[in-house]
Amino acid sequence: GAQMPGNIRSHLLETAIKMEEKRGMRGKAKLIVQ
């Protein structure tokens, strides 16, 4: 029943967006292949 604090969720979401941007087109192509 433990909840994730809202400020942590916001920080992790920003991190995830940066990770997706860093992946680039080659990274997206790899995901599609997998």
Full PDB file with SEQRES, HELIX, SHEET, SSBOND, CRYST1, ORIGX, SCALE, CONECT and MASTER records, all heavy atoms in Angstrom:
SEQRES   1 A   34  GLY ALA GLN MET PRO GLY ASN ILE ARG SER HIS LEU LEU          
SEQRES   2 A   34  GLU THR ALA ILE LYS MET GLU GLU LYS ARG GLY MET ARG          
SEQRES   3 A   34  GLY LYS ALA LYS LEU ILE VAL GLN                              
HELIX    1 AA1 GLY A    6  VAL A   33  1                                  28    
CRYST1    1.000    1.000    1.000  90.00  90.00  90.00 P 1           1          
ORIGX1      1.000000  0.000000  0.000000        0.00000                         
ORIGX2      0.000000  1.000000  0.000000        0.00000                         
ORIGX3      0.000000  0.000000  1.000000        0.00000                         
SCALE1      1.000000  0.000000  0.000000        0.00000                         
SCALE2      0.000000  1.000000  0.000000        0.00000                         
SCALE3      0.000000  0.000000  1.000000        0.00000                         
ATOM      1  N   GLY A   1       0.786  -1.224   0.000  1.00  0.00           N  
ATOM      2  CA  GLY A   1       0.000   0.000   0.000  1.00  0.00           C  
ATOM      3  C   GLY A   1       0.819   1.275   0.000  1.00  0.00           C  
ATOM      4  O   GLY A   1       0.249   2.376   0.025  1.00  0.00           O  
ATOM      5  N   ALA A   2       2.154   1.171  -0.033  1.00  0.00           N  
ATOM      6  CA  ALA A   2       2.994   2.374  -0.043  1.00  0.00           C  
ATOM      7  C   ALA A   2       2.804   3.136  -1.351  1.00  0.00           C  
ATOM      8  O   ALA A   2       2.718   2.542  -2.431  1.00  0.00           O  
ATOM      9  CB  ALA A   2       4.463   1.989   0.129  1.00  0.00           C  
ATOM     10  N   GLN A   3       2.739   4.451  -1.256  1.00  0.00           N  
ATOM     11  CA  GLN A   3       2.524   5.307  -2.426  1.00  0.00           C  
ATOM     12  C   GLN A   3       3.825   6.011  -2.831  1.00  0.00           C  
ATOM     13  O   GLN A   3       4.687   6.263  -1.993  1.00  0.00           O  
ATOM     14  CB  GLN A   3       1.461   6.360  -2.114  1.00  0.00           C  
ATOM     15  CG  GLN A   3       0.101   5.797  -1.757  1.00  0.00           C  
ATOM     16  CD  GLN A   3      -0.575   5.111  -2.920  1.00  0.00           C  
ATOM     17  OE1 GLN A   3      -0.442   5.534  -4.074  1.00  0.00           O  
ATOM     18  NE2 GLN A   3      -1.328   4.055  -2.634  1.00  0.00           N  
ATOM     19  N   MET A   4       3.936   6.309  -4.114  1.00  0.00           N  
ATOM     20  CA  MET A   4       5.081   7.079  -4.580  1.00  0.00           C  
ATOM     21  C   MET A   4       4.796   8.569  -4.379  1.00  0.00           C  
ATOM     22  O   MET A   4       3.784   9.067  -4.882  1.00  0.00           O  
ATOM     23  CB  MET A   4       5.365   6.820  -6.067  1.00  0.00           C  
ATOM     24  CG  MET A   4       6.647   7.516  -6.541  1.00  0.00           C  
ATOM     25  SD  MET A   4       6.804   7.633  -8.370  1.00  0.00           S  
ATOM     26  CE  MET A   4       6.774   5.923  -8.842  1.00  0.00           C  
ATOM     27  N   PRO A   5       5.666   9.290  -3.653  1.00  0.00           N  
ATOM     28  CA  PRO A   5       5.459  10.739  -3.479  1.00  0.00           C  
ATOM     29  C   PRO A   5       5.399  11.454  -4.825  1.00  0.00           C  
ATOM     30  O   PRO A   5       6.112  11.098  -5.772  1.00  0.00           O  
ATOM     31  CB  PRO A   5       6.700  11.164  -2.681  1.00  0.00           C  
ATOM     32  CG  PRO A   5       7.127   9.932  -1.960  1.00  0.00           C  
ATOM     33  CD  PRO A   5       6.819   8.801  -2.881  1.00  0.00           C  
ATOM     34  N   GLY A   6       4.524  12.465  -4.901  1.00  0.00           N  
ATOM     35  CA  GLY A   6       4.294  13.156  -6.169  1.00  0.00           C  
ATOM     36  C   GLY A   6       5.529  13.801  -6.757  1.00  0.00           C  
ATOM     37  O   GLY A   6       5.737  13.774  -7.982  1.00  0.00           O  
ATOM     38  N   ASN A   7       6.382  14.391  -5.901  1.00  0.00           N  
ATOM     39  CA  ASN A   7       7.574  15.051  -6.439  1.00  0.00           C  
ATOM     40  C   ASN A   7       8.561  14.049  -7.035  1.00  0.00           C  
ATOM     41  O   ASN A   7       9.279  14.345  -7.995  1.00  0.00           O  
ATOM     42  CB  ASN A   7       8.266  15.878  -5.354  1.00  0.00           C  
ATOM     43  CG  ASN A   7       8.775  15.017  -4.208  1.00  0.00           C  
ATOM     44  OD1 ASN A   7       8.079  14.114  -3.766  1.00  0.00           O  
ATOM     45  ND2 ASN A   7       9.970  15.302  -3.734  1.00  0.00           N  
ATOM     46  N   ILE A   8       8.580  12.814  -6.481  1.00  0.00           N  
ATOM     47  CA  ILE A   8       9.447  11.779  -7.048  1.00  0.00           C  
ATOM     48  C   ILE A   8       8.916  11.355  -8.407  1.00  0.00           C  
ATOM     49  O   ILE A   8       9.684  11.167  -9.364  1.00  0.00           O  
ATOM     50  CB  ILE A   8       9.542  10.567  -6.100  1.00  0.00           C  
ATOM     51  CG1 ILE A   8      10.216  10.977  -4.791  1.00  0.00           C  
ATOM     52  CG2 ILE A   8      10.299   9.428  -6.756  1.00  0.00           C  
ATOM     53  CD1 ILE A   8      10.405   9.840  -3.805  1.00  0.00           C  
ATOM     54  N   ARG A   9       7.595  11.203  -8.524  1.00  0.00           N  
ATOM     55  CA  ARG A   9       7.002  10.830  -9.817  1.00  0.00           C  
ATOM     56  C   ARG A   9       7.363  11.851 -10.890  1.00  0.00           C  
ATOM     57  O   ARG A   9       7.719  11.495 -12.012  1.00  0.00           O  
ATOM     58  CB  ARG A   9       5.487  10.706  -9.688  1.00  0.00           C  
ATOM     59  CG  ARG A   9       4.794  10.268 -10.982  1.00  0.00           C  
ATOM     60  CD  ARG A   9       3.279  10.263 -10.817  1.00  0.00           C  
ATOM     61  NE  ARG A   9       2.872   9.360  -9.757  1.00  0.00           N  
ATOM     62  CZ  ARG A   9       2.776   8.046  -9.912  1.00  0.00           C  
ATOM     63  NH1 ARG A   9       3.072   7.495 -11.075  1.00  0.00           N  
ATOM     64  NH2 ARG A   9       2.386   7.291  -8.909  1.00  0.00           N  
ATOM     65  N   SER A  10       7.272  13.136 -10.549  1.00  0.00           N  
ATOM     66  CA  SER A  10       7.591  14.183 -11.519  1.00  0.00           C  
ATOM     67  C   SER A  10       9.053  14.097 -11.953  1.00  0.00           C  
ATOM     68  O   SER A  10       9.367  14.204 -13.146  1.00  0.00           O  
ATOM     69  CB  SER A  10       7.320  15.564 -10.913  1.00  0.00           C  
ATOM     70  OG  SER A  10       5.974  15.674 -10.530  1.00  0.00           O  
ATOM     71  N   HIS A  11       9.943  13.860 -10.974  1.00  0.00           N  
ATOM     72  CA  HIS A  11      11.368  13.780 -11.298  1.00  0.00           C  
ATOM     73  C   HIS A  11      11.661  12.560 -12.173  1.00  0.00           C  
ATOM     74  O   HIS A  11      12.452  12.641 -13.132  1.00  0.00           O  
ATOM     75  CB  HIS A  11      12.175  13.711  -9.999  1.00  0.00           C  
ATOM     76  CG  HIS A  11      13.659  13.772 -10.214  1.00  0.00           C  
ATOM     77  ND1 HIS A  11      14.300  14.906 -10.668  1.00  0.00           N  
ATOM     78  CD2 HIS A  11      14.634  12.830 -10.052  1.00  0.00           C  
ATOM     79  CE1 HIS A  11      15.597  14.665 -10.770  1.00  0.00           C  
ATOM     80  NE2 HIS A  11      15.813  13.408 -10.401  1.00  0.00           N  
ATOM     81  N   LEU A  12      11.029  11.412 -11.865  1.00  0.00           N  
ATOM     82  CA  LEU A  12      11.259  10.197 -12.655  1.00  0.00           C  
ATOM     83  C   LEU A  12      10.692  10.342 -14.059  1.00  0.00           C  
ATOM     84  O   LEU A  12      11.264   9.817 -15.028  1.00  0.00           O  
ATOM     85  CB  LEU A  12      10.636   8.988 -11.956  1.00  0.00           C  
ATOM     86  CG  LEU A  12      11.221   8.606 -10.592  1.00  0.00           C  
ATOM     87  CD1 LEU A  12      10.621   7.294 -10.112  1.00  0.00           C  
ATOM     88  CD2 LEU A  12      12.736   8.496 -10.653  1.00  0.00           C  
ATOM     89  N   LEU A  13       9.562  11.018 -14.189  1.00  0.00           N  
ATOM     90  CA  LEU A  13       8.968  11.237 -15.504  1.00  0.00           C  
ATOM     91  C   LEU A  13       9.898  12.076 -16.371  1.00  0.00           C  
ATOM     92  O   LEU A  13      10.097  11.778 -17.562  1.00  0.00           O  
ATOM     93  CB  LEU A  13       7.609  11.913 -15.366  1.00  0.00           C  
ATOM     94  CG  LEU A  13       6.811  12.120 -16.667  1.00  0.00           C  
ATOM     95  CD1 LEU A  13       6.584  10.799 -17.388  1.00  0.00           C  
ATOM     96  CD2 LEU A  13       5.475  12.797 -16.374  1.00  0.00           C  
ATOM     97  N   GLU A  14      10.490  13.109 -15.787  1.00  0.00           N  
ATOM     98  CA  GLU A  14      11.454  13.923 -16.528  1.00  0.00           C  
ATOM     99  C   GLU A  14      12.648  13.080 -16.974  1.00  0.00           C  
ATOM    100  O   GLU A  14      13.138  13.208 -18.106  1.00  0.00           O  
ATOM    101  CB  GLU A  14      11.943  15.078 -15.649  1.00  0.00           C  
ATOM    102  CG  GLU A  14      10.887  16.140 -15.368  1.00  0.00           C  
ATOM    103  CD  GLU A  14      11.387  17.191 -14.388  1.00  0.00           C  
ATOM    104  OE1 GLU A  14      12.607  17.203 -14.109  1.00  0.00           O  
ATOM    105  OE2 GLU A  14      10.562  17.988 -13.891  1.00  0.00           O  
ATOM    106  N   THR A  15      13.108  12.216 -16.076  1.00  0.00           N  
ATOM    107  CA  THR A  15      14.236  11.338 -16.404  1.00  0.00           C  
ATOM    108  C   THR A  15      13.881  10.388 -17.541  1.00  0.00           C  
ATOM    109  O   THR A  15      14.686  10.162 -18.459  1.00  0.00           O  
ATOM    110  CB  THR A  15      14.652  10.521 -15.160  1.00  0.00           C  
ATOM    111  OG1 THR A  15      14.956  11.416 -14.089  1.00  0.00           O  
ATOM    112  CG2 THR A  15      15.852   9.647 -15.459  1.00  0.00           C  
ATOM    113  N   ALA A  16      12.674   9.824 -17.495  1.00  0.00           N  
ATOM    114  CA  ALA A  16      12.237   8.898 -18.540  1.00  0.00           C  
ATOM    115  C   ALA A  16      12.149   9.595 -19.895  1.00  0.00           C  
ATOM    116  O   ALA A  16      12.517   9.014 -20.930  1.00  0.00           O  
ATOM    117  CB  ALA A  16      10.881   8.288 -18.175  1.00  0.00           C  
ATOM    118  N   ILE A  17      11.669  10.827 -19.903  1.00  0.00           N  
ATOM    119  CA  ILE A  17      11.577  11.589 -21.160  1.00  0.00           C  
ATOM    120  C   ILE A  17      12.967  11.820 -21.734  1.00  0.00           C  
ATOM    121  O   ILE A  17      13.199  11.671 -22.955  1.00  0.00           O  
ATOM    122  CB  ILE A  17      10.848  12.921 -20.920  1.00  0.00           C  
ATOM    123  CG1 ILE A  17       9.373  12.671 -20.585  1.00  0.00           C  
ATOM    124  CG2 ILE A  17      10.966  13.835 -22.139  1.00  0.00           C  
ATOM    125  CD1 ILE A  17       8.616  13.900 -20.121  1.00  0.00           C  
ATOM    126  N   LYS A  18      13.920  12.157 -20.862  1.00  0.00           N  
ATOM    127  CA  LYS A  18      15.304  12.355 -21.319  1.00  0.00           C  
ATOM    128  C   LYS A  18      15.895  11.057 -21.874  1.00  0.00           C  
ATOM    129  O   LYS A  18      16.624  11.067 -22.875  1.00  0.00           O  
ATOM    130  CB  LYS A  18      16.168  12.872 -20.174  1.00  0.00           C  
ATOM    131  CG  LYS A  18      15.855  14.296 -19.740  1.00  0.00           C  
ATOM    132  CD  LYS A  18      16.704  14.704 -18.537  1.00  0.00           C  
ATOM    133  CE  LYS A  18      16.345  16.109 -18.072  1.00  0.00           C  
ATOM    134  NZ  LYS A  18      17.108  16.501 -16.854  1.00  0.00           N  
ATOM    135  N   MET A  19      15.573   9.941 -21.236  1.00  0.00           N  
ATOM    136  CA  MET A  19      16.073   8.643 -21.702  1.00  0.00           C  
ATOM    137  C   MET A  19      15.532   8.320 -23.090  1.00  0.00           C  
ATOM    138  O   MET A  19      16.256   7.813 -23.957  1.00  0.00           O  
ATOM    139  CB  MET A  19      15.669   7.541 -20.716  1.00  0.00           C  
ATOM    140  CG  MET A  19      16.425   7.578 -19.398  1.00  0.00           C  
ATOM    141  SD  MET A  19      15.687   6.499 -18.122  1.00  0.00           S  
ATOM    142  CE  MET A  19      15.720   4.903 -18.925  1.00  0.00           C  
ATOM    143  N   GLU A  20      14.241   8.619 -23.335  1.00  0.00           N  
ATOM    144  CA  GLU A  20      13.647   8.349 -24.648  1.00  0.00           C  
ATOM    145  C   GLU A  20      14.248   9.244 -25.724  1.00  0.00           C  
ATOM    146  O   GLU A  20      14.483   8.813 -26.852  1.00  0.00           O  
ATOM    147  CB  GLU A  20      12.128   8.520 -24.575  1.00  0.00           C  
ATOM    148  CG  GLU A  20      11.431   7.419 -23.796  1.00  0.00           C  
ATOM    149  CD  GLU A  20       9.938   7.343 -24.103  1.00  0.00           C  
ATOM    150  OE1 GLU A  20       9.540   7.740 -25.219  1.00  0.00           O  
ATOM    151  OE2 GLU A  20       9.182   6.882 -23.233  1.00  0.00           O  
ATOM    152  N   GLU A  21      14.506  10.515 -25.370  1.00  0.00           N  
ATOM    153  CA  GLU A  21      15.118  11.422 -26.339  1.00  0.00           C  
ATOM    154  C   GLU A  21      16.539  10.968 -26.685  1.00  0.00           C  
ATOM    155  O   GLU A  21      16.972  11.050 -27.841  1.00  0.00           O  
ATOM    156  CB  GLU A  21      15.151  12.844 -25.770  1.00  0.00           C  
ATOM    157  CG  GLU A  21      13.770  13.486 -25.666  1.00  0.00           C  
ATOM    158  CD  GLU A  21      13.822  14.828 -24.956  1.00  0.00           C  
ATOM    159  OE1 GLU A  21      14.898  15.170 -24.396  1.00  0.00           O  
ATOM    160  OE2 GLU A  21      12.790  15.525 -24.929  1.00  0.00           O  
ATOM    161  N   LYS A  22      17.242  10.474 -25.680  1.00  0.00           N  
ATOM    162  CA  LYS A  22      18.615  10.017 -25.880  1.00  0.00           C  
ATOM    163  C   LYS A  22      18.669   8.759 -26.738  1.00  0.00           C  
ATOM    164  O   LYS A  22      19.666   8.507 -27.420  1.00  0.00           O  
ATOM    165  CB  LYS A  22      19.248   9.751 -24.511  1.00  0.00           C  
ATOM    166  CG  LYS A  22      20.742   9.467 -24.558  1.00  0.00           C  
ATOM    167  CD  LYS A  22      21.284   9.276 -23.148  1.00  0.00           C  
ATOM    168  CE  LYS A  22      22.762   8.939 -23.175  1.00  0.00           C  
ATOM    169  NZ  LYS A  22      23.307   8.729 -21.802  1.00  0.00           N  
ATOM    170  N   ARG A  23      17.597   7.984 -26.721  1.00  0.00           N  
ATOM    171  CA  ARG A  23      17.576   6.731 -27.470  1.00  0.00           C  
ATOM    172  C   ARG A  23      17.704   6.971 -28.971  1.00  0.00           C  
ATOM    173  O   ARG A  23      18.379   6.216 -29.672  1.00  0.00           O  
ATOM    174  CB  ARG A  23      16.284   5.970 -27.147  1.00  0.00           C  
ATOM    175  CG  ARG A  23      16.206   4.596 -27.769  1.00  0.00           C  
ATOM    176  CD  ARG A  23      14.938   3.867 -27.375  1.00  0.00           C  
ATOM    177  NE  ARG A  23      14.966   3.463 -25.971  1.00  0.00           N  
ATOM    178  CZ  ARG A  23      14.123   3.885 -25.054  1.00  0.00           C  
ATOM    179  NH1 ARG A  23      13.177   4.757 -25.364  1.00  0.00           N  
ATOM    180  NH2 ARG A  23      14.210   3.468 -23.818  1.00  0.00           N  
ATOM    181  N   GLY A  24      17.058   7.983 -29.489  1.00  0.00           N  
ATOM    182  CA  GLY A  24      17.168   8.328 -30.898  1.00  0.00           C  
ATOM    183  C   GLY A  24      16.462   7.345 -31.814  1.00  0.00           C  
ATOM    184  O   GLY A  24      15.807   6.398 -31.373  1.00  0.00           O  
ATOM    185  N   MET A  25      16.628   7.557 -33.125  1.00  0.00           N  
ATOM    186  CA  MET A  25      15.942   6.722 -34.114  1.00  0.00           C  
ATOM    187  C   MET A  25      16.489   5.294 -34.122  1.00  0.00           C  
ATOM    188  O   MET A  25      15.734   4.337 -34.301  1.00  0.00           O  
ATOM    189  CB  MET A  25      16.077   7.346 -35.506  1.00  0.00           C  
ATOM    190  CG  MET A  25      15.341   8.674 -35.657  1.00  0.00           C  
ATOM    191  SD  MET A  25      13.580   8.574 -35.186  1.00  0.00           S  
ATOM    192  CE  MET A  25      12.971   7.478 -36.455  1.00  0.00           C  
ATOM    193  N   ARG A  26      17.807   5.155 -33.937  1.00  0.00           N  
ATOM    194  CA  ARG A  26      18.379   3.806 -33.909  1.00  0.00           C  
ATOM    195  C   ARG A  26      17.833   3.017 -32.722  1.00  0.00           C  
ATOM    196  O   ARG A  26      17.537   1.826 -32.839  1.00  0.00           O  
ATOM    197  CB  ARG A  26      19.902   3.876 -33.817  1.00  0.00           C  
ATOM    198  CG  ARG A  26      20.586   4.289 -35.114  1.00  0.00           C  
ATOM    199  CD  ARG A  26      22.073   4.028 -35.038  1.00  0.00           C  
ATOM    200  NE  ARG A  26      22.364   2.607 -34.946  1.00  0.00           N  
ATOM    201  CZ  ARG A  26      23.591   2.114 -34.771  1.00  0.00           C  
ATOM    202  NH1 ARG A  26      24.626   2.936 -34.637  1.00  0.00           N  
ATOM    203  NH2 ARG A  26      23.786   0.814 -34.713  1.00  0.00           N  
ATOM    204  N   GLY A  27      17.686   3.695 -31.592  1.00  0.00           N  
ATOM    205  CA  GLY A  27      17.130   3.027 -30.424  1.00  0.00           C  
ATOM    206  C   GLY A  27      15.689   2.611 -30.643  1.00  0.00           C  
ATOM    207  O   GLY A  27      15.292   1.505 -30.252  1.00  0.00           O  
ATOM    208  N   LYS A  28      14.905   3.499 -31.288  1.00  0.00           N  
ATOM    209  CA  LYS A  28      13.507   3.153 -31.587  1.00  0.00           C  
ATOM    210  C   LYS A  28      13.426   1.975 -32.556  1.00  0.00           C  
ATOM    211  O   LYS A  28      12.569   1.095 -32.419  1.00  0.00           O  
ATOM    212  CB  LYS A  28      12.790   4.363 -32.172  1.00  0.00           C  
ATOM    213  CG  LYS A  28      12.558   5.490 -31.161  1.00  0.00           C  
ATOM    214  CD  LYS A  28      11.854   6.679 -31.798  1.00  0.00           C  
ATOM    215  CE  LYS A  28      11.642   7.807 -30.786  1.00  0.00           C  
ATOM    216  NZ  LYS A  28      10.999   8.989 -31.390  1.00  0.00           N  
ATOM    217  N   ALA A  29      14.341   1.953 -33.538  1.00  0.00           N  
ATOM    218  CA  ALA A  29      14.369   0.840 -34.498  1.00  0.00           C  
ATOM    219  C   ALA A  29      14.670  -0.477 -33.778  1.00  0.00           C  
ATOM    220  O   ALA A  29      14.080  -1.520 -34.092  1.00  0.00           O  
ATOM    221  CB  ALA A  29      15.412   1.105 -35.580  1.00  0.00           C  
ATOM    222  N   LYS A  30      15.573  -0.421 -32.790  1.00  0.00           N  
ATOM    223  CA  LYS A  30      15.896  -1.624 -32.026  1.00  0.00           C  
ATOM    224  C   LYS A  30      14.686  -2.123 -31.235  1.00  0.00           C  
ATOM    225  O   LYS A  30      14.430  -3.331 -31.161  1.00  0.00           O  
ATOM    226  CB  LYS A  30      17.056  -1.346 -31.075  1.00  0.00           C  
ATOM    227  CG  LYS A  30      18.406  -1.227 -31.761  1.00  0.00           C  
ATOM    228  CD  LYS A  30      19.516  -1.017 -30.740  1.00  0.00           C  
ATOM    229  CE  LYS A  30      20.883  -0.938 -31.429  1.00  0.00           C  
ATOM    230  NZ  LYS A  30      21.977  -0.762 -30.446  1.00  0.00           N  
ATOM    231  N   LEU A  31      13.923  -1.193 -30.658  1.00  0.00           N  
ATOM    232  CA  LEU A  31      12.723  -1.582 -29.906  1.00  0.00           C  
ATOM    233  C   LEU A  31      11.704  -2.267 -30.810  1.00  0.00           C  
ATOM    234  O   LEU A  31      11.085  -3.268 -30.425  1.00  0.00           O  
ATOM    235  CB  LEU A  31      12.094  -0.356 -29.241  1.00  0.00           C  
ATOM    236  CG  LEU A  31      12.858   0.296 -28.085  1.00  0.00           C  
ATOM    237  CD1 LEU A  31      12.079   1.498 -27.551  1.00  0.00           C  
ATOM    238  CD2 LEU A  31      13.104  -0.706 -26.956  1.00  0.00           C  
ATOM    239  N   ILE A  32      11.538  -1.729 -32.016  1.00  0.00           N  
ATOM    240  CA  ILE A  32      10.583  -2.317 -32.967  1.00  0.00           C  
ATOM    241  C   ILE A  32      11.011  -3.731 -33.343  1.00  0.00           C  
ATOM    242  O   ILE A  32      10.200  -4.667 -33.375  1.00  0.00           O  
ATOM    243  CB  ILE A  32      10.451  -1.421 -34.218  1.00  0.00           C  
ATOM    244  CG1 ILE A  32       9.790  -0.089 -33.842  1.00  0.00           C  
ATOM    245  CG2 ILE A  32       9.651  -2.134 -35.307  1.00  0.00           C  
ATOM    246  CD1 ILE A  32       9.818   0.942 -34.949  1.00  0.00           C  
ATOM    247  N   VAL A  33      12.310  -3.894 -33.612  1.00  0.00           N  
ATOM    248  CA  VAL A  33      12.834  -5.220 -33.965  1.00  0.00           C  
ATOM    249  C   VAL A  33      12.607  -6.199 -32.813  1.00  0.00           C  
ATOM    250  O   VAL A  33      12.164  -7.344 -33.021  1.00  0.00           O  
ATOM    251  CB  VAL A  33      14.337  -5.133 -34.318  1.00  0.00           C  
ATOM    252  CG1 VAL A  33      14.956  -6.529 -34.382  1.00  0.00           C  
ATOM    253  CG2 VAL A  33      14.532  -4.424 -35.650  1.00  0.00           C  
ATOM    254  N   GLN A  34      12.893  -5.774 -31.582  1.00  0.00           N  
ATOM    255  CA  GLN A  34      12.713  -6.657 -30.430  1.00  0.00           C  
ATOM    256  C   GLN A  34      11.253  -7.036 -30.237  1.00  0.00           C  
ATOM    257  O   GLN A  34      10.942  -8.187 -29.887  1.00  0.00           O  
ATOM    258  CB  GLN A  34      13.266  -5.975 -29.175  1.00  0.00           C  
ATOM    259  CG  GLN A  34      14.779  -5.842 -29.176  1.00  0.00           C  
ATOM    260  CD  GLN A  34      15.296  -5.032 -28.008  1.00  0.00           C  
ATOM    261  OE1 GLN A  34      14.673  -4.970 -26.956  1.00  0.00           O  
ATOM    262  NE2 GLN A  34      16.441  -4.395 -28.189  1.00  0.00           N  
TER     263      GLN A  34                                                      
MASTER        0    0    0    1    0    0    0    6  262    1    0    3          
END                                                                             
